[in-house]
Amino acid sequence: MMDFAREVKHYVPNVVMTTVETTISHEDEKRCRAICEKLGVRYRIRAWAG
């Protein structure tokens, strides 16, 4: 997924990677945010729709 995000941002102007709230820890959300920042893509935490 990271390779895909890194490459697709050259063709898609607004790349967003998401996780679902409550499914991972806050620490993991911070790690995901840092990864997305490094890749140059946006990170969003989606609401649980269950």
PDB file of N, CA and C in Angstrom:
ATOM      1  N   MET A   1       0.820  -1.179   0.000  1.00  0.00           N
ATOM      2  CA  MET A   1       0.000   0.000   0.000  1.00  0.00           C
ATOM      3  C   MET A   1       0.867   1.247   0.000  1.00  0.00           C
ATOM      4  N   MET A   2       1.954   1.210   0.719  1.00  0.00           N
ATOM      5  CA  MET A   2       2.809   2.393   0.771  1.00  0.00           C
ATOM      6  C   MET A   2       3.445   2.666  -0.584  1.00  0.00           C
ATOM      7  N   ASP A   3       3.888   1.611  -1.263  1.00  0.00           N
ATOM      8  CA  ASP A   3       4.443   1.801  -2.611  1.00  0.00           C
ATOM      9  C   ASP A   3       3.388   2.367  -3.546  1.00  0.00           C
ATOM     10  N   PHE A   4       2.171   1.842  -3.463  1.00  0.00           N
ATOM     11  CA  PHE A   4       1.082   2.323  -4.305  1.00  0.00           C
ATOM     12  C   PHE A   4       0.808   3.804  -4.035  1.00  0.00           C
ATOM     13  N   ALA A   5       0.708   4.180  -2.775  1.00  0.00           N
ATOM     14  CA  ALA A   5       0.443   5.580  -2.419  1.00  0.00           C
ATOM     15  C   ALA A   5       1.559   6.486  -2.919  1.00  0.00           C
ATOM     16  N   ARG A   6       2.778   6.037  -2.775  1.00  0.00           N
ATOM     17  CA  ARG A   6       3.935   6.823  -3.218  1.00  0.00           C
ATOM     18  C   ARG A   6       3.874   7.072  -4.723  1.00  0.00           C
ATOM     19  N   GLU A   7       3.487   6.068  -5.476  1.00  0.00           N
ATOM     20  CA  GLU A   7       3.452   6.194  -6.935  1.00  0.00           C
ATOM     21  C   GLU A   7       2.197   6.897  -7.440  1.00  0.00           C
ATOM     22  N   VAL A   8       1.049   6.583  -6.868  1.00  0.00           N
ATOM     23  CA  VAL A   8      -0.207   7.114  -7.391  1.00  0.00           C
ATOM     24  C   VAL A   8      -0.312   8.624  -7.195  1.00  0.00           C
ATOM     25  N   LYS A   9       0.388   9.172  -6.201  1.00  0.00           N
ATOM     26  CA  LYS A   9       0.299  10.617  -5.979  1.00  0.00           C
ATOM     27  C   LYS A   9       0.848  11.412  -7.165  1.00  0.00           C
ATOM     28  N   HIS A  10       1.585  10.754  -8.041  1.00  0.00           N
ATOM     29  CA  HIS A  10       2.067  11.416  -9.258  1.00  0.00           C
ATOM     30  C   HIS A  10       0.945  11.579 -10.290  1.00  0.00           C
ATOM     31  N   TYR A  11      -0.126  10.827 -10.131  1.00  0.00           N
ATOM     32  CA  TYR A  11      -1.229  10.832 -11.089  1.00  0.00           C
ATOM     33  C   TYR A  11      -2.548  11.320 -10.492  1.00  0.00           C
ATOM     34  N   VAL A  12      -2.702  11.179  -9.197  1.00  0.00           N
ATOM     35  CA  VAL A  12      -3.930  11.561  -8.505  1.00  0.00           C
ATOM     36  C   VAL A  12      -3.586  12.726  -7.572  1.00  0.00           C
ATOM     37  N   PRO A  13      -4.268  13.858  -7.723  1.00  0.00           N
ATOM     38  CA  PRO A  13      -3.874  15.035  -6.960  1.00  0.00           C
ATOM     39  C   PRO A  13      -4.141  14.969  -5.453  1.00  0.00           C
ATOM     40  N   ASN A  14      -5.118  14.177  -5.011  1.00  0.00           N
ATOM     41  CA  ASN A  14      -5.463  14.151  -3.591  1.00  0.00           C
ATOM     42  C   ASN A  14      -5.551  12.708  -3.101  1.00  0.00           C
ATOM     43  N   VAL A  15      -4.439  12.144  -2.681  1.00  0.00           N
ATOM     44  CA  VAL A  15      -4.398  10.767  -2.192  1.00  0.00           C
ATOM     45  C   VAL A  15      -4.649  10.786  -0.693  1.00  0.00           C
ATOM     46  N   VAL A  16      -5.606   9.953  -0.252  1.00  0.00           N
ATOM     47  CA  VAL A  16      -5.961   9.874   1.164  1.00  0.00           C
ATOM     48  C   VAL A  16      -5.900   8.414   1.601  1.00  0.00           C
ATOM     49  N   MET A  17      -5.146   8.154   2.655  1.00  0.00           N
ATOM     50  CA  MET A  17      -5.111   6.824   3.258  1.00  0.00           C
ATOM     51  C   MET A  17      -5.885   6.917   4.558  1.00  0.00           C
ATOM     52  N   THR A  18      -6.673   5.888   4.875  1.00  0.00           N
ATOM     53  CA  THR A  18      -7.542   5.951   6.050  1.00  0.00           C
ATOM     54  C   THR A  18      -7.388   4.727   6.942  1.00  0.00           C
ATOM     55  N   THR A  19      -7.762   4.936   8.194  1.00  0.00           N
ATOM     56  CA  THR A  19      -7.998   3.850   9.129  1.00  0.00           C
ATOM     57  C   THR A  19      -9.368   4.118   9.752  1.00  0.00           C
ATOM     58  N   VAL A  20      -9.912   3.121  10.423  1.00  0.00           N
ATOM     59  CA  VAL A  20     -11.220   3.261  11.056  1.00  0.00           C
ATOM     60  C   VAL A  20     -11.016   3.467  12.552  1.00  0.00           C
ATOM     61  N   GLU A  21     -11.691   4.503  13.084  1.00  0.00           N
ATOM     62  CA  GLU A  21     -11.533   4.796  14.507  1.00  0.00           C
ATOM     63  C   GLU A  21     -11.895   3.581  15.354  1.00  0.00           C
ATOM     64  N   THR A  22     -11.267   3.461  16.464  1.00  0.00           N
ATOM     65  CA  THR A  22     -11.446   2.397  17.459  1.00  0.00           C
ATOM     66  C   THR A  22     -10.898   1.036  17.022  1.00  0.00           C
ATOM     67  N   THR A  23     -10.353   0.912  15.814  1.00  0.00           N
ATOM     68  CA  THR A  23      -9.834  -0.392  15.391  1.00  0.00           C
ATOM     69  C   THR A  23      -8.339  -0.519  15.627  1.00  0.00           C
ATOM     70  N   ILE A  24      -7.662   0.603  15.852  1.00  0.00           N
ATOM     71  CA  ILE A  24      -6.240   0.576  16.195  1.00  0.00           C
ATOM     72  C   ILE A  24      -6.013   1.553  17.348  1.00  0.00           C
ATOM     73  N   SER A  25      -4.883   1.428  17.988  1.00  0.00           N
ATOM     74  CA  SER A  25      -4.579   2.283  19.138  1.00  0.00           C
ATOM     75  C   SER A  25      -4.234   3.704  18.682  1.00  0.00           C
ATOM     76  N   HIS A  26      -4.286   4.630  19.616  1.00  0.00           N
ATOM     77  CA  HIS A  26      -3.905   6.010  19.306  1.00  0.00           C
ATOM     78  C   HIS A  26      -2.429   6.086  18.896  1.00  0.00           C
ATOM     79  N   GLU A  27      -1.615   5.235  19.486  1.00  0.00           N
ATOM     80  CA  GLU A  27      -0.200   5.193  19.120  1.00  0.00           C
ATOM     81  C   GLU A  27      -0.039   4.759  17.662  1.00  0.00           C
ATOM     82  N   ASP A  28      -0.816   3.753  17.257  1.00  0.00           N
ATOM     83  CA  ASP A  28      -0.754   3.300  15.864  1.00  0.00           C
ATOM     84  C   ASP A  28      -1.291   4.365  14.912  1.00  0.00           C
ATOM     85  N   GLU A  29      -2.308   5.107  15.347  1.00  0.00           N
ATOM     86  CA  GLU A  29      -2.810   6.215  14.515  1.00  0.00           C
ATOM     87  C   GLU A  29      -1.715   7.247  14.306  1.00  0.00           C
ATOM     88  N   LYS A  30      -0.947   7.528  15.345  1.00  0.00           N
ATOM     89  CA  LYS A  30       0.175   8.479  15.222  1.00  0.00           C
ATOM     90  C   LYS A  30       1.214   7.950  14.242  1.00  0.00           C
ATOM     91  N   ARG A  31       1.484   6.660  14.316  1.00  0.00           N
ATOM     92  CA  ARG A  31       2.444   6.056  13.382  1.00  0.00           C
ATOM     93  C   ARG A  31       1.934   6.145  11.942  1.00  0.00           C
ATOM     94  N   CYS A  32       0.644   5.874  11.751  1.00  0.00           N
ATOM     95  CA  CYS A  32       0.046   5.968  10.418  1.00  0.00           C
ATOM     96  C   CYS A  32       0.150   7.391   9.882  1.00  0.00           C
ATOM     97  N   ARG A  33      -0.141   8.364  10.736  1.00  0.00           N
ATOM     98  CA  ARG A  33      -0.055   9.773  10.337  1.00  0.00           C
ATOM     99  C   ARG A  33       1.378  10.121   9.915  1.00  0.00           C
ATOM    100  N   ALA A  34       2.360   9.653  10.672  1.00  0.00           N
ATOM    101  CA  ALA A  34       3.762   9.917  10.348  1.00  0.00           C
ATOM    102  C   ALA A  34       4.156   9.283   9.017  1.00  0.00           C
ATOM    103  N   ILE A  35       3.685   8.070   8.779  1.00  0.00           N
ATOM    104  CA  ILE A  35       3.971   7.391   7.506  1.00  0.00           C
ATOM    105  C   ILE A  35       3.379   8.185   6.354  1.00  0.00           C
ATOM    106  N   CYS A  36       2.133   8.627   6.497  1.00  0.00           N
ATOM    107  CA  CYS A  36       1.475   9.384   5.430  1.00  0.00           C
ATOM    108  C   CYS A  36       2.189  10.700   5.178  1.00  0.00           C
ATOM    109  N   GLU A  37       2.621  11.366   6.233  1.00  0.00           N
ATOM    110  CA  GLU A  37       3.370  12.611   6.065  1.00  0.00           C
ATOM    111  C   GLU A  37       4.654  12.357   5.294  1.00  0.00           C
ATOM    112  N   LYS A  38       5.345  11.270   5.631  1.00  0.00           N
ATOM    113  CA  LYS A  38       6.579  10.917   4.931  1.00  0.00           C
ATOM    114  C   LYS A  38       6.320  10.617   3.446  1.00  0.00           C
ATOM    115  N   LEU A  39       5.170   9.980   3.166  1.00  0.00           N
ATOM    116  CA  LEU A  39       4.819   9.644   1.782  1.00  0.00           C
ATOM    117  C   LEU A  39       4.284  10.856   1.010  1.00  0.00           C
ATOM    118  N   GLY A  40       3.873  11.892   1.734  1.00  0.00           N
ATOM    119  CA  GLY A  40       3.302  13.073   1.078  1.00  0.00           C
ATOM    120  C   GLY A  40       1.848  12.900   0.692  1.00  0.00           C
ATOM    121  N   VAL A  41       1.123  12.079   1.468  1.00  0.00           N
ATOM    122  CA  VAL A  41      -0.302  11.872   1.224  1.00  0.00           C
ATOM    123  C   VAL A  41      -1.071  12.237   2.497  1.00  0.00           C
ATOM    124  N   ARG A  42      -2.378  12.389   2.380  1.00  0.00           N
ATOM    125  CA  ARG A  42      -3.217  12.770   3.506  1.00  0.00           C
ATOM    126  C   ARG A  42      -3.649  11.538   4.299  1.00  0.00           C
ATOM    127  N   TYR A  43      -3.772  11.693   5.606  1.00  0.00           N
ATOM    128  CA  TYR A  43      -4.242  10.626   6.478  1.00  0.00           C
ATOM    129  C   TYR A  43      -5.557  11.063   7.107  1.00  0.00           C
ATOM    130  N   ARG A  44      -6.528  10.142   7.151  1.00  0.00           N
ATOM    131  CA  ARG A  44      -7.828  10.444   7.739  1.00  0.00           C
ATOM    132  C   ARG A  44      -8.287   9.252   8.560  1.00  0.00           C
ATOM    133  N   ILE A  45      -8.844   9.539   9.724  1.00  0.00           N
ATOM    134  CA  ILE A  45      -9.427   8.497  10.572  1.00  0.00           C
ATOM    135  C   ILE A  45     -10.933   8.532  10.336  1.00  0.00           C
ATOM    136  N   ARG A  46     -11.453   7.442   9.775  1.00  0.00           N
ATOM    137  CA  ARG A  46     -12.893   7.368   9.454  1.00  0.00           C
ATOM    138  C   ARG A  46     -13.695   6.916  10.660  1.00  0.00           C
ATOM    139  N   ALA A  47     -14.917   7.391  10.727  1.00  0.00           N
ATOM    140  CA  ALA A  47     -15.824   6.959  11.792  1.00  0.00           C
ATOM    141  C   ALA A  47     -16.270   5.517  11.562  1.00  0.00           C
ATOM    142  N   TRP A  48     -16.463   4.804  12.646  1.00  0.00           N
ATOM    143  CA  TRP A  48     -17.002   3.446  12.591  1.00  0.00           C
ATOM    144  C   TRP A  48     -18.459   3.527  12.201  1.00  0.00           C
ATOM    145  N   ALA A  49     -18.846   2.795  11.163  1.00  0.00           N
ATOM    146  CA  ALA A  49     -20.230   2.865  10.663  1.00  0.00           C
ATOM    147  C   ALA A  49     -20.974   1.561  10.945  1.00  0.00           C
ATOM    148  N   GLY A  50     -20.703   0.951  12.068  1.00  0.00           N
ATOM    149  CA  GLY A  50     -21.266  -0.351  12.400  1.00  0.00           C
ATOM    150  C   GLY A  50     -22.538  -0.279  13.037  1.00  0.00           C
TER     151      GLY A  50
END
